[in-house]
Amino acid sequence: MKGNSLAGLPLGEQVLAGTKFNVGAGLIRLTGRESPLPKNVDGIQVGARIRKLHILHATQYSMEKKKDAGVAYFTVNYEDQSQKKIAIEYGKDVRNWWYMECEGPCRAEVAWNGASEYAKNTSGATLRLYVMRWTNPAPDCKVVSIDFASAHSEVALFCVAMSVEE
């Protein structure tokens, strides 16, 4: 909808919640509420040994009555063919990007606050993005790629950027 966007989010290299992200003009958004969007995006290239992964994300829509429900997951694909799944839970790792005086997620932190004319005029909401941090249990094994998949919940998770600590 016109005016319902992250247009106020600065592009390029940004430090958000103490982490450097390269914010591009696009994002990856998965399906939610029976939308025609993709259920998964596979093969996000990494090609490095990483200690930590930082995910800048939020959801479209809210699940306040179903807190702690899984909304999506990331699968880390290692060079030795092993994998590690990272579950994303609503209320713990992420919340709705429209902020209307609810508590923040308990395992993530607010990384960016912004505004949208549409959100403001519709419900008085401001905008938020959250950063979730994951410590790699196998930092000596090279990460080849990351897959991003919906858990088929009622919210649509979107990833704005990822950053790694090597």
N, C-alpha and C. Protein backbone atom coordinates (compact mmCIF):
# COMPACT_ATOMS: atom_id res chain seq x y z
N MET A 1 0.83 -1.18 0.00
CA MET A 1 0.00 0.00 0.00
C MET A 1 0.88 1.24 0.00
N LYS A 2 0.42 2.23 -0.68
CA LYS A 2 1.21 3.45 -0.81
C LYS A 2 1.53 4.05 0.56
N GLY A 3 2.79 4.34 0.78
CA GLY A 3 3.24 4.93 2.04
C GLY A 3 3.52 3.91 3.13
N ASN A 4 3.28 2.64 2.86
CA ASN A 4 3.53 1.58 3.85
C ASN A 4 4.83 0.88 3.49
N SER A 5 5.95 1.50 3.90
CA SER A 5 7.25 0.97 3.48
C SER A 5 8.33 1.33 4.50
N LEU A 6 9.51 0.82 4.22
CA LEU A 6 10.69 1.14 5.02
C LEU A 6 11.49 2.26 4.37
N ALA A 7 10.83 3.16 3.70
CA ALA A 7 11.51 4.23 2.96
C ALA A 7 12.42 5.08 3.85
N GLY A 8 12.13 5.17 5.13
CA GLY A 8 12.96 5.95 6.05
C GLY A 8 14.21 5.23 6.53
N LEU A 9 14.34 3.95 6.20
CA LEU A 9 15.52 3.19 6.61
C LEU A 9 16.70 3.58 5.73
N PRO A 10 17.79 4.10 6.31
CA PRO A 10 18.94 4.50 5.49
C PRO A 10 19.57 3.29 4.79
N LEU A 11 19.96 3.47 3.55
CA LEU A 11 20.61 2.42 2.77
C LEU A 11 22.12 2.49 2.93
N GLY A 12 22.78 1.41 2.56
CA GLY A 12 24.23 1.35 2.62
C GLY A 12 24.69 0.81 3.96
N GLU A 13 25.95 1.05 4.26
CA GLU A 13 26.53 0.55 5.50
C GLU A 13 25.97 1.33 6.69
N GLN A 14 25.34 0.60 7.61
CA GLN A 14 24.72 1.20 8.79
C GLN A 14 25.12 0.40 10.03
N VAL A 15 25.27 1.06 11.14
CA VAL A 15 25.48 0.38 12.41
C VAL A 15 24.15 0.45 13.15
N LEU A 16 23.53 -0.74 13.34
CA LEU A 16 22.23 -0.84 13.99
C LEU A 16 22.37 -1.81 15.17
N ALA A 17 22.00 -1.35 16.34
CA ALA A 17 22.14 -2.14 17.58
C ALA A 17 23.56 -2.65 17.74
N GLY A 18 24.54 -1.80 17.40
CA GLY A 18 25.95 -2.14 17.57
C GLY A 18 26.53 -3.07 16.54
N THR A 19 25.77 -3.38 15.49
CA THR A 19 26.24 -4.30 14.45
C THR A 19 26.22 -3.61 13.10
N LYS A 20 27.27 -3.82 12.33
CA LYS A 20 27.37 -3.23 11.00
C LYS A 20 26.58 -4.09 10.00
N PHE A 21 25.64 -3.47 9.30
CA PHE A 21 24.85 -4.12 8.25
C PHE A 21 25.02 -3.32 6.97
N ASN A 22 24.96 -4.00 5.84
CA ASN A 22 24.90 -3.33 4.55
C ASN A 22 23.45 -3.43 4.08
N VAL A 23 22.70 -2.37 4.27
CA VAL A 23 21.27 -2.36 3.96
C VAL A 23 21.09 -2.01 2.49
N GLY A 24 20.46 -2.92 1.75
CA GLY A 24 20.21 -2.71 0.33
C GLY A 24 18.81 -2.20 0.08
N ALA A 25 18.48 -2.03 -1.19
CA ALA A 25 17.18 -1.50 -1.57
C ALA A 25 16.07 -2.54 -1.48
N GLY A 26 16.42 -3.81 -1.32
CA GLY A 26 15.40 -4.86 -1.26
C GLY A 26 15.48 -5.63 0.03
N LEU A 27 14.60 -6.61 0.14
CA LEU A 27 14.58 -7.51 1.29
C LEU A 27 14.01 -8.85 0.84
N ILE A 28 14.10 -9.83 1.71
CA ILE A 28 13.52 -11.15 1.42
C ILE A 28 12.30 -11.29 2.31
N ARG A 29 11.15 -11.48 1.68
CA ARG A 29 9.89 -11.62 2.44
C ARG A 29 9.26 -12.95 2.08
N LEU A 30 8.89 -13.68 3.12
CA LEU A 30 8.26 -14.98 2.93
C LEU A 30 6.76 -14.90 3.14
N THR A 31 6.08 -15.94 2.72
CA THR A 31 4.64 -16.00 2.79
C THR A 31 4.11 -15.95 4.22
N GLY A 32 2.92 -15.46 4.35
CA GLY A 32 2.17 -15.42 5.60
C GLY A 32 0.75 -15.05 5.27
N ARG A 33 -0.19 -15.50 6.05
CA ARG A 33 -1.61 -15.22 5.81
C ARG A 33 -2.02 -15.57 4.38
N GLU A 34 -1.56 -16.71 3.92
CA GLU A 34 -1.94 -17.24 2.61
C GLU A 34 -1.57 -16.31 1.44
N SER A 35 -0.50 -15.57 1.57
CA SER A 35 -0.08 -14.69 0.49
C SER A 35 0.62 -15.49 -0.61
N PRO A 36 0.73 -14.94 -1.79
CA PRO A 36 1.38 -15.66 -2.90
C PRO A 36 2.91 -15.56 -2.87
N LEU A 37 3.47 -15.05 -1.79
CA LEU A 37 4.92 -14.91 -1.69
C LEU A 37 5.58 -16.29 -1.55
N PRO A 38 6.89 -16.37 -1.78
CA PRO A 38 7.58 -17.66 -1.67
C PRO A 38 7.56 -18.21 -0.25
N LYS A 39 7.55 -19.54 -0.15
CA LYS A 39 7.60 -20.22 1.15
C LYS A 39 9.03 -20.34 1.64
N ASN A 40 9.97 -20.26 0.72
CA ASN A 40 11.37 -20.35 1.12
C ASN A 40 12.27 -19.70 0.07
N VAL A 41 13.45 -19.32 0.53
CA VAL A 41 14.51 -18.81 -0.34
C VAL A 41 15.76 -19.58 0.07
N ASP A 42 16.29 -20.34 -0.86
CA ASP A 42 17.45 -21.19 -0.57
C ASP A 42 18.72 -20.63 -1.20
N GLY A 43 19.85 -20.98 -0.58
CA GLY A 43 21.14 -20.69 -1.18
C GLY A 43 21.65 -19.27 -1.04
N ILE A 44 21.36 -18.61 0.07
CA ILE A 44 21.93 -17.28 0.32
C ILE A 44 23.42 -17.53 0.61
N GLN A 45 24.29 -17.08 -0.28
CA GLN A 45 25.71 -17.40 -0.23
C GLN A 45 26.43 -16.73 0.95
N VAL A 46 27.27 -17.52 1.64
CA VAL A 46 28.09 -16.99 2.73
C VAL A 46 29.56 -17.22 2.40
N GLY A 47 29.99 -18.48 2.32
CA GLY A 47 31.36 -18.80 1.94
C GLY A 47 32.42 -18.37 2.94
N ALA A 48 32.15 -18.53 4.24
CA ALA A 48 33.13 -18.12 5.26
C ALA A 48 32.90 -18.91 6.54
N ARG A 49 33.93 -18.92 7.36
CA ARG A 49 33.78 -19.46 8.72
C ARG A 49 33.25 -18.31 9.56
N ILE A 50 32.18 -18.58 10.30
CA ILE A 50 31.57 -17.49 11.08
C ILE A 50 31.42 -17.89 12.53
N ARG A 51 31.57 -16.89 13.38
CA ARG A 51 31.34 -17.10 14.82
C ARG A 51 29.91 -16.72 15.19
N LYS A 52 29.43 -15.63 14.60
CA LYS A 52 28.08 -15.15 14.90
C LYS A 52 27.38 -14.69 13.63
N LEU A 53 26.07 -14.88 13.64
CA LEU A 53 25.21 -14.41 12.57
C LEU A 53 24.23 -13.42 13.19
N HIS A 54 24.08 -12.26 12.56
CA HIS A 54 23.16 -11.21 13.02
C HIS A 54 22.10 -11.05 11.93
N ILE A 55 20.84 -11.16 12.32
CA ILE A 55 19.74 -11.10 11.36
C ILE A 55 18.88 -9.88 11.68
N LEU A 56 18.75 -8.99 10.70
CA LEU A 56 17.93 -7.78 10.83
C LEU A 56 16.59 -8.09 10.17
N HIS A 57 15.52 -8.15 10.99
CA HIS A 57 14.26 -8.62 10.45
C HIS A 57 13.06 -8.11 11.25
N ALA A 58 11.87 -8.46 10.78
CA ALA A 58 10.60 -8.16 11.46
C ALA A 58 9.53 -9.00 10.77
N THR A 59 8.32 -8.92 11.30
CA THR A 59 7.20 -9.60 10.64
C THR A 59 6.21 -8.57 10.14
N GLN A 60 5.46 -8.98 9.14
CA GLN A 60 4.29 -8.23 8.73
C GLN A 60 3.13 -8.97 9.39
N TYR A 61 2.32 -8.28 10.12
CA TYR A 61 1.22 -8.81 10.92
C TYR A 61 1.73 -9.23 12.29
N SER A 62 0.81 -9.46 13.18
CA SER A 62 1.13 -9.76 14.56
C SER A 62 0.55 -11.11 14.98
N MET A 63 1.17 -11.70 15.99
CA MET A 63 0.68 -12.96 16.57
C MET A 63 0.69 -12.84 18.09
N GLU A 64 0.18 -11.76 18.63
CA GLU A 64 0.24 -11.52 20.07
C GLU A 64 -0.43 -12.63 20.87
N LYS A 65 -1.47 -13.25 20.32
CA LYS A 65 -2.17 -14.32 21.04
C LYS A 65 -1.45 -15.66 20.92
N LYS A 66 -0.45 -15.72 20.05
CA LYS A 66 0.30 -16.96 19.85
C LYS A 66 1.79 -16.72 20.03
N LYS A 67 2.15 -15.98 21.06
CA LYS A 67 3.56 -15.72 21.33
C LYS A 67 4.32 -17.03 21.44
N ASP A 68 5.55 -16.99 21.09
CA ASP A 68 6.46 -18.13 21.14
C ASP A 68 6.18 -19.17 20.05
N ALA A 69 5.30 -18.86 19.14
CA ALA A 69 5.04 -19.78 18.02
C ALA A 69 6.11 -19.58 16.96
N GLY A 70 6.51 -20.65 16.31
CA GLY A 70 7.49 -20.56 15.23
C GLY A 70 6.91 -19.86 14.01
N VAL A 71 7.65 -18.92 13.47
CA VAL A 71 7.18 -18.21 12.27
C VAL A 71 8.04 -18.52 11.05
N ALA A 72 9.29 -18.88 11.28
CA ALA A 72 10.19 -19.19 10.17
C ALA A 72 11.44 -19.83 10.74
N TYR A 73 12.34 -20.21 9.86
CA TYR A 73 13.63 -20.72 10.31
C TYR A 73 14.68 -20.50 9.24
N PHE A 74 15.90 -20.38 9.71
CA PHE A 74 17.06 -20.30 8.85
C PHE A 74 17.78 -21.63 8.98
N THR A 75 18.29 -22.16 7.87
CA THR A 75 19.10 -23.37 7.91
C THR A 75 20.50 -23.00 7.44
N VAL A 76 21.47 -23.22 8.32
CA VAL A 76 22.87 -22.94 8.00
C VAL A 76 23.44 -24.20 7.38
N ASN A 77 23.97 -24.09 6.17
CA ASN A 77 24.55 -25.21 5.43
C ASN A 77 26.07 -25.13 5.47
N TYR A 78 26.68 -26.14 6.10
CA TYR A 78 28.13 -26.16 6.26
C TYR A 78 28.81 -26.89 5.11
N GLU A 79 30.09 -26.60 4.94
CA GLU A 79 30.92 -27.20 3.89
C GLU A 79 30.97 -28.73 4.01
N ASP A 80 30.88 -29.27 5.21
CA ASP A 80 30.94 -30.73 5.40
C ASP A 80 29.58 -31.40 5.18
N GLN A 81 28.62 -30.68 4.62
CA GLN A 81 27.27 -31.15 4.31
C GLN A 81 26.35 -31.21 5.53
N SER A 82 26.82 -30.85 6.71
CA SER A 82 25.94 -30.82 7.88
C SER A 82 25.12 -29.52 7.85
N GLN A 83 24.09 -29.48 8.66
CA GLN A 83 23.21 -28.32 8.71
C GLN A 83 22.84 -28.02 10.16
N LYS A 84 22.49 -26.77 10.39
CA LYS A 84 21.98 -26.35 11.70
C LYS A 84 20.76 -25.47 11.44
N LYS A 85 19.63 -25.83 12.04
CA LYS A 85 18.40 -25.07 11.86
C LYS A 85 18.25 -24.07 13.01
N ILE A 86 17.92 -22.83 12.66
CA ILE A 86 17.69 -21.75 13.62
C ILE A 86 16.21 -21.39 13.55
N ALA A 87 15.46 -21.74 14.58
CA ALA A 87 14.04 -21.43 14.61
C ALA A 87 13.83 -19.97 15.02
N ILE A 88 12.88 -19.31 14.39
CA ILE A 88 12.53 -17.93 14.70
C ILE A 88 11.14 -17.97 15.35
N GLU A 89 11.05 -17.52 16.60
CA GLU A 89 9.80 -17.57 17.33
C GLU A 89 9.26 -16.16 17.57
N TYR A 90 7.96 -16.00 17.31
CA TYR A 90 7.32 -14.72 17.52
C TYR A 90 7.31 -14.38 19.01
N GLY A 91 7.69 -13.17 19.34
CA GLY A 91 7.73 -12.73 20.73
C GLY A 91 9.08 -12.96 21.40
N LYS A 92 9.85 -13.91 20.88
CA LYS A 92 11.19 -14.15 21.41
C LYS A 92 12.26 -13.57 20.50
N ASP A 93 12.16 -13.83 19.20
CA ASP A 93 13.20 -13.44 18.25
C ASP A 93 12.78 -12.29 17.33
N VAL A 94 11.50 -12.02 17.28
CA VAL A 94 10.99 -11.03 16.33
C VAL A 94 9.59 -10.61 16.74
N ARG A 95 9.17 -9.47 16.21
CA ARG A 95 7.79 -8.97 16.39
C ARG A 95 7.39 -8.22 15.12
N ASN A 96 6.15 -7.76 15.14
CA ASN A 96 5.59 -7.01 14.02
C ASN A 96 6.38 -5.71 13.80
N TRP A 97 6.58 -5.34 12.56
CA TRP A 97 7.30 -4.11 12.24
C TRP A 97 6.49 -2.88 12.59
N TRP A 98 5.17 -2.98 12.67
CA TRP A 98 4.33 -1.89 13.16
C TRP A 98 4.37 -1.95 14.67
N TYR A 99 4.93 -0.94 15.30
CA TYR A 99 5.07 -0.91 16.74
C TYR A 99 3.96 -0.09 17.37
N MET A 100 3.19 -0.74 18.27
CA MET A 100 2.09 -0.06 18.94
C MET A 100 2.12 -0.35 20.43
N GLU A 101 3.22 0.04 21.08
CA GLU A 101 3.34 -0.04 22.54
C GLU A 101 3.24 -1.46 23.10
N CYS A 102 3.83 -2.43 22.44
CA CYS A 102 3.90 -3.77 23.02
C CYS A 102 5.35 -4.00 23.47
N GLU A 103 5.57 -5.03 24.24
CA GLU A 103 6.93 -5.33 24.68
C GLU A 103 7.77 -5.81 23.49
N GLY A 104 9.07 -5.69 23.62
CA GLY A 104 9.96 -6.15 22.56
C GLY A 104 10.22 -7.64 22.69
N PRO A 105 10.84 -8.23 21.70
CA PRO A 105 11.18 -9.65 21.80
C PRO A 105 12.26 -9.86 22.86
N CYS A 106 12.22 -10.99 23.54
CA CYS A 106 13.14 -11.18 24.67
C CYS A 106 14.52 -11.66 24.26
N ARG A 107 14.68 -12.31 23.09
CA ARG A 107 16.01 -12.75 22.68
C ARG A 107 16.61 -11.87 21.60
N ALA A 108 15.89 -10.89 21.17
CA ALA A 108 16.37 -9.97 20.13
C ALA A 108 16.29 -8.56 20.70
N GLU A 109 16.82 -7.62 19.95
CA GLU A 109 16.73 -6.23 20.40
C GLU A 109 16.29 -5.33 19.26
N VAL A 110 15.73 -4.20 19.64
CA VAL A 110 15.31 -3.22 18.64
C VAL A 110 16.56 -2.66 17.99
N ALA A 111 16.59 -2.70 16.66
CA ALA A 111 17.76 -2.21 15.93
C ALA A 111 17.49 -0.88 15.23
N TRP A 112 16.24 -0.63 14.88
CA TRP A 112 15.90 0.58 14.15
C TRP A 112 14.47 0.98 14.46
N ASN A 113 14.25 2.27 14.62
CA ASN A 113 12.92 2.85 14.79
C ASN A 113 12.69 3.81 13.63
N GLY A 114 11.51 3.78 13.06
CA GLY A 114 11.21 4.68 11.95
C GLY A 114 9.73 5.00 11.91
N ALA A 115 9.32 5.54 10.77
CA ALA A 115 7.93 5.95 10.61
C ALA A 115 7.46 5.67 9.19
N SER A 116 6.16 5.52 9.07
CA SER A 116 5.49 5.35 7.78
C SER A 116 4.19 6.12 7.88
N GLU A 117 3.90 6.94 6.90
CA GLU A 117 2.66 7.71 6.91
C GLU A 117 1.45 6.79 7.00
N TYR A 118 1.49 5.68 6.28
CA TYR A 118 0.36 4.76 6.27
C TYR A 118 0.15 4.17 7.67
N ALA A 119 1.21 3.67 8.31
CA ALA A 119 1.09 3.08 9.65
C ALA A 119 0.62 4.12 10.66
N LYS A 120 1.16 5.32 10.56
CA LYS A 120 0.79 6.39 11.49
C LYS A 120 -0.68 6.76 11.33
N ASN A 121 -1.12 6.94 10.09
CA ASN A 121 -2.50 7.36 9.83
C ASN A 121 -3.51 6.25 10.08
N THR A 122 -3.11 5.00 9.89
CA THR A 122 -4.03 3.88 10.07
C THR A 122 -4.22 3.52 11.54
N SER A 123 -3.13 3.44 12.30
CA SER A 123 -3.26 2.97 13.68
C SER A 123 -2.38 3.71 14.68
N GLY A 124 -1.70 4.74 14.24
CA GLY A 124 -0.81 5.47 15.13
C GLY A 124 0.50 4.75 15.39
N ALA A 125 0.79 3.74 14.58
CA ALA A 125 2.00 2.92 14.78
C ALA A 125 3.24 3.60 14.22
N THR A 126 4.37 3.29 14.85
CA THR A 126 5.67 3.62 14.28
C THR A 126 6.24 2.30 13.75
N LEU A 127 7.45 2.33 13.22
CA LEU A 127 8.06 1.12 12.65
C LEU A 127 9.26 0.70 13.47
N ARG A 128 9.50 -0.61 13.48
CA ARG A 128 10.67 -1.16 14.15
C ARG A 128 11.23 -2.33 13.35
N LEU A 129 12.56 -2.45 13.42
CA LEU A 129 13.25 -3.65 12.95
C LEU A 129 14.02 -4.20 14.14
N TYR A 130 14.19 -5.51 14.16
CA TYR A 130 14.84 -6.19 15.27
C TYR A 130 16.07 -6.93 14.79
N VAL A 131 17.06 -7.05 15.67
CA VAL A 131 18.23 -7.86 15.34
C VAL A 131 18.28 -9.04 16.29
N MET A 132 18.40 -10.22 15.68
CA MET A 132 18.54 -11.47 16.42
C MET A 132 19.96 -11.94 16.19
N ARG A 133 20.60 -12.44 17.23
CA ARG A 133 21.98 -12.89 17.12
C ARG A 133 22.05 -14.39 17.39
N TRP A 134 22.83 -15.08 16.57
CA TRP A 134 22.99 -16.53 16.72
C TRP A 134 24.48 -16.84 16.77
N THR A 135 24.88 -17.60 17.79
CA THR A 135 26.27 -18.02 17.91
C THR A 135 26.41 -19.39 17.27
N ASN A 136 27.32 -19.49 16.33
CA ASN A 136 27.55 -20.72 15.57
C ASN A 136 28.20 -21.79 16.47
N PRO A 137 27.57 -22.96 16.60
CA PRO A 137 28.17 -24.01 17.43
C PRO A 137 29.36 -24.70 16.76
N ALA A 138 29.58 -24.43 15.46
CA ALA A 138 30.70 -25.03 14.71
C ALA A 138 31.47 -23.94 13.98
N PRO A 139 32.14 -23.02 14.72
CA PRO A 139 32.80 -21.88 14.07
C PRO A 139 33.98 -22.24 13.18
N ASP A 140 34.53 -23.45 13.33
CA ASP A 140 35.66 -23.85 12.49
C ASP A 140 35.24 -24.47 11.17
N CYS A 141 33.95 -24.72 11.00
CA CYS A 141 33.44 -25.31 9.76
C CYS A 141 32.88 -24.19 8.88
N LYS A 142 33.32 -24.13 7.65
CA LYS A 142 32.91 -23.08 6.72
C LYS A 142 31.40 -23.17 6.43
N VAL A 143 30.73 -22.03 6.49
CA VAL A 143 29.32 -21.94 6.13
C VAL A 143 29.24 -21.63 4.64
N VAL A 144 28.62 -22.52 3.90
CA VAL A 144 28.50 -22.35 2.45
C VAL A 144 27.34 -21.42 2.12
N SER A 145 26.18 -21.68 2.73
CA SER A 145 24.99 -20.88 2.43
C SER A 145 23.99 -20.96 3.57
N ILE A 146 22.97 -20.14 3.46
CA ILE A 146 21.88 -20.12 4.43
C ILE A 146 20.57 -20.18 3.65
N ASP A 147 19.65 -21.02 4.12
CA ASP A 147 18.31 -21.10 3.55
C ASP A 147 17.35 -20.43 4.53
N PHE A 148 16.28 -19.86 4.00
CA PHE A 148 15.32 -19.10 4.78
C PHE A 148 13.95 -19.66 4.43
N ALA A 149 13.18 -20.16 5.40
CA ALA A 149 11.90 -20.80 5.11
C ALA A 149 10.81 -20.38 6.09
N SER A 150 9.60 -20.26 5.58
CA SER A 150 8.44 -19.96 6.39
C SER A 150 8.01 -21.18 7.17
N ALA A 151 7.47 -20.97 8.36
CA ALA A 151 6.89 -22.05 9.15
C ALA A 151 5.37 -22.09 8.92
N HIS A 152 4.92 -21.41 7.89
CA HIS A 152 3.51 -21.38 7.49
C HIS A 152 2.60 -20.83 8.59
N SER A 153 3.07 -19.78 9.25
CA SER A 153 2.28 -19.13 10.29
C SER A 153 1.44 -18.03 9.66
N GLU A 154 0.72 -17.32 10.50
CA GLU A 154 -0.12 -16.24 9.96
C GLU A 154 0.65 -14.95 9.71
N VAL A 155 1.91 -14.88 10.12
CA VAL A 155 2.70 -13.68 9.85
C VAL A 155 3.70 -13.95 8.73
N ALA A 156 4.10 -12.89 8.07
CA ALA A 156 5.11 -12.98 7.02
C ALA A 156 6.41 -12.39 7.57
N LEU A 157 7.41 -13.22 7.72
CA LEU A 157 8.71 -12.75 8.20
C LEU A 157 9.47 -12.16 7.02
N PHE A 158 10.14 -11.04 7.26
CA PHE A 158 11.01 -10.50 6.22
C PHE A 158 12.38 -10.19 6.81
N CYS A 159 13.40 -10.46 6.02
CA CYS A 159 14.79 -10.25 6.39
C CYS A 159 15.32 -9.08 5.57
N VAL A 160 15.78 -8.06 6.26
CA VAL A 160 16.29 -6.86 5.61
C VAL A 160 17.79 -7.02 5.31
N ALA A 161 18.54 -7.62 6.23
CA ALA A 161 19.98 -7.80 6.05
C ALA A 161 20.49 -8.84 7.03
N MET A 162 21.64 -9.40 6.70
CA MET A 162 22.36 -10.29 7.61
C MET A 162 23.79 -9.82 7.67
N SER A 163 24.41 -10.05 8.81
CA SER A 163 25.82 -9.71 8.99
C SER A 163 26.47 -10.85 9.73
N VAL A 164 27.72 -11.11 9.41
CA VAL A 164 28.45 -12.20 10.08
C VAL A 164 29.69 -11.67 10.76
N GLU A 165 30.08 -12.35 11.83
CA GLU A 165 31.37 -12.13 12.48
C GLU A 165 32.21 -13.34 12.16
N GLU A 166 33.34 -13.12 11.49
CA GLU A 166 34.20 -14.24 11.13
C GLU A 166 35.15 -14.58 12.26
